[in-house]
Amino acid sequence: MKTLAAEAGIPLDEREFHCRGSFTAMHKGKPDQSDIENVKKFAKEIIG
């Protein structure tokens, strides 16, 4: 996605947030409450 945006001249913020999601038995229980709190903090950082 970053490559396509760069090729189109669309600037992107360098900050990223990653969170595992559950996939069948893998990463069961994700995102959890901790992940949700972390994404809230990240969103507040982004919007300043």
N, C-alpha and C. Protein backbone atom coordinates (compact mmCIF):
# COMPACT_ATOMS: atom_id res chain seq x y z
N MET A 1 0.83 -1.19 0.00
CA MET A 1 0.00 0.00 0.00
C MET A 1 0.87 1.25 0.00
N LYS A 2 1.94 1.23 0.81
CA LYS A 2 2.82 2.40 0.86
C LYS A 2 3.44 2.68 -0.50
N THR A 3 3.84 1.62 -1.19
CA THR A 3 4.45 1.78 -2.51
C THR A 3 3.47 2.40 -3.49
N LEU A 4 2.25 1.90 -3.51
CA LEU A 4 1.24 2.45 -4.42
C LEU A 4 0.95 3.92 -4.11
N ALA A 5 0.85 4.24 -2.83
CA ALA A 5 0.60 5.62 -2.45
C ALA A 5 1.75 6.52 -2.88
N ALA A 6 2.98 6.06 -2.66
CA ALA A 6 4.15 6.85 -3.04
C ALA A 6 4.18 7.07 -4.56
N GLU A 7 3.89 6.03 -5.31
CA GLU A 7 3.87 6.14 -6.78
C GLU A 7 2.81 7.14 -7.24
N ALA A 8 1.73 7.24 -6.50
CA ALA A 8 0.65 8.17 -6.85
C ALA A 8 0.86 9.56 -6.27
N GLY A 9 1.98 9.74 -5.53
CA GLY A 9 2.26 11.04 -4.94
C GLY A 9 1.42 11.36 -3.72
N ILE A 10 0.90 10.32 -3.06
CA ILE A 10 0.07 10.51 -1.88
C ILE A 10 0.95 10.35 -0.64
N PRO A 11 1.11 11.40 0.15
CA PRO A 11 1.95 11.29 1.35
C PRO A 11 1.25 10.49 2.45
N LEU A 12 2.02 9.69 3.16
CA LEU A 12 1.50 8.92 4.28
C LEU A 12 2.29 9.26 5.54
N ASP A 13 1.64 9.16 6.66
CA ASP A 13 2.30 9.34 7.94
C ASP A 13 3.21 8.14 8.18
N GLU A 14 4.35 8.37 8.79
CA GLU A 14 5.30 7.28 9.06
C GLU A 14 4.88 6.41 10.24
N ARG A 15 4.00 6.92 11.09
CA ARG A 15 3.58 6.15 12.26
C ARG A 15 2.60 5.05 11.85
N GLU A 16 2.72 3.90 12.50
CA GLU A 16 1.86 2.76 12.21
C GLU A 16 1.41 2.09 13.50
N PHE A 17 0.30 1.40 13.42
CA PHE A 17 -0.16 0.58 14.54
C PHE A 17 -0.47 -0.80 14.00
N HIS A 18 0.03 -1.82 14.69
CA HIS A 18 -0.22 -3.20 14.28
C HIS A 18 -0.82 -3.97 15.45
N CYS A 19 -1.79 -4.80 15.14
CA CYS A 19 -2.45 -5.61 16.16
C CYS A 19 -2.84 -6.94 15.54
N ARG A 20 -2.55 -8.01 16.23
CA ARG A 20 -2.95 -9.32 15.74
C ARG A 20 -4.46 -9.48 15.86
N GLY A 21 -5.01 -10.20 14.93
CA GLY A 21 -6.42 -10.55 14.98
C GLY A 21 -6.54 -12.06 15.07
N SER A 22 -7.63 -12.54 15.59
CA SER A 22 -7.79 -13.99 15.70
C SER A 22 -8.05 -14.58 14.32
N PHE A 23 -7.48 -15.72 14.09
CA PHE A 23 -7.65 -16.44 12.84
C PHE A 23 -7.74 -17.90 13.19
N THR A 24 -8.94 -18.45 13.16
CA THR A 24 -9.23 -19.80 13.65
C THR A 24 -8.67 -19.92 15.06
N ALA A 25 -7.79 -20.88 15.30
CA ALA A 25 -7.24 -21.06 16.65
C ALA A 25 -6.03 -20.17 16.91
N MET A 26 -5.49 -19.60 15.84
CA MET A 26 -4.31 -18.74 16.01
C MET A 26 -4.70 -17.40 16.62
N HIS A 27 -3.91 -16.96 17.55
CA HIS A 27 -4.11 -15.64 18.20
C HIS A 27 -5.50 -15.51 18.80
N LYS A 28 -6.00 -16.59 19.35
CA LYS A 28 -7.34 -16.59 19.93
C LYS A 28 -7.45 -15.49 20.99
N GLY A 29 -8.56 -14.79 20.98
CA GLY A 29 -8.79 -13.74 21.96
C GLY A 29 -8.23 -12.39 21.55
N LYS A 30 -7.69 -12.30 20.36
CA LYS A 30 -7.13 -11.05 19.87
C LYS A 30 -8.11 -10.39 18.92
N PRO A 31 -8.23 -9.13 18.88
CA PRO A 31 -7.61 -8.20 19.80
C PRO A 31 -8.24 -8.30 21.19
N ASP A 32 -7.41 -8.08 22.19
CA ASP A 32 -7.90 -8.12 23.56
C ASP A 32 -8.01 -6.70 24.11
N GLN A 33 -8.36 -6.58 25.35
CA GLN A 33 -8.56 -5.25 25.96
C GLN A 33 -7.29 -4.41 25.91
N SER A 34 -6.15 -5.04 26.10
CA SER A 34 -4.88 -4.33 26.02
C SER A 34 -4.68 -3.75 24.62
N ASP A 35 -4.98 -4.53 23.60
CA ASP A 35 -4.86 -4.05 22.22
C ASP A 35 -5.78 -2.86 21.98
N ILE A 36 -6.98 -2.93 22.50
CA ILE A 36 -7.95 -1.85 22.32
C ILE A 36 -7.46 -0.57 23.00
N GLU A 37 -6.90 -0.70 24.19
CA GLU A 37 -6.36 0.47 24.88
C GLU A 37 -5.18 1.06 24.10
N ASN A 38 -4.34 0.18 23.54
CA ASN A 38 -3.19 0.65 22.77
C ASN A 38 -3.61 1.38 21.50
N VAL A 39 -4.65 0.90 20.83
CA VAL A 39 -5.10 1.59 19.61
C VAL A 39 -5.74 2.92 19.97
N LYS A 40 -6.39 3.01 21.11
CA LYS A 40 -6.94 4.29 21.55
C LYS A 40 -5.82 5.31 21.77
N LYS A 41 -4.75 4.89 22.43
CA LYS A 41 -3.60 5.77 22.66
C LYS A 41 -2.99 6.20 21.33
N PHE A 42 -2.86 5.25 20.41
CA PHE A 42 -2.28 5.56 19.10
C PHE A 42 -3.15 6.56 18.35
N ALA A 43 -4.45 6.37 18.37
CA ALA A 43 -5.36 7.28 17.67
C ALA A 43 -5.26 8.69 18.25
N LYS A 44 -5.17 8.79 19.56
CA LYS A 44 -5.04 10.11 20.19
C LYS A 44 -3.73 10.77 19.78
N GLU A 45 -2.66 9.98 19.65
CA GLU A 45 -1.37 10.51 19.22
C GLU A 45 -1.48 11.04 17.78
N ILE A 46 -2.15 10.31 16.92
CA ILE A 46 -2.27 10.69 15.51
C ILE A 46 -3.07 11.98 15.35
N ILE A 47 -4.18 12.08 16.07
CA ILE A 47 -5.03 13.27 15.88
C ILE A 47 -4.53 14.47 16.68
N GLY A 48 -3.58 14.20 17.58
CA GLY A 48 -2.91 15.27 18.30
C GLY A 48 -3.75 16.00 19.26
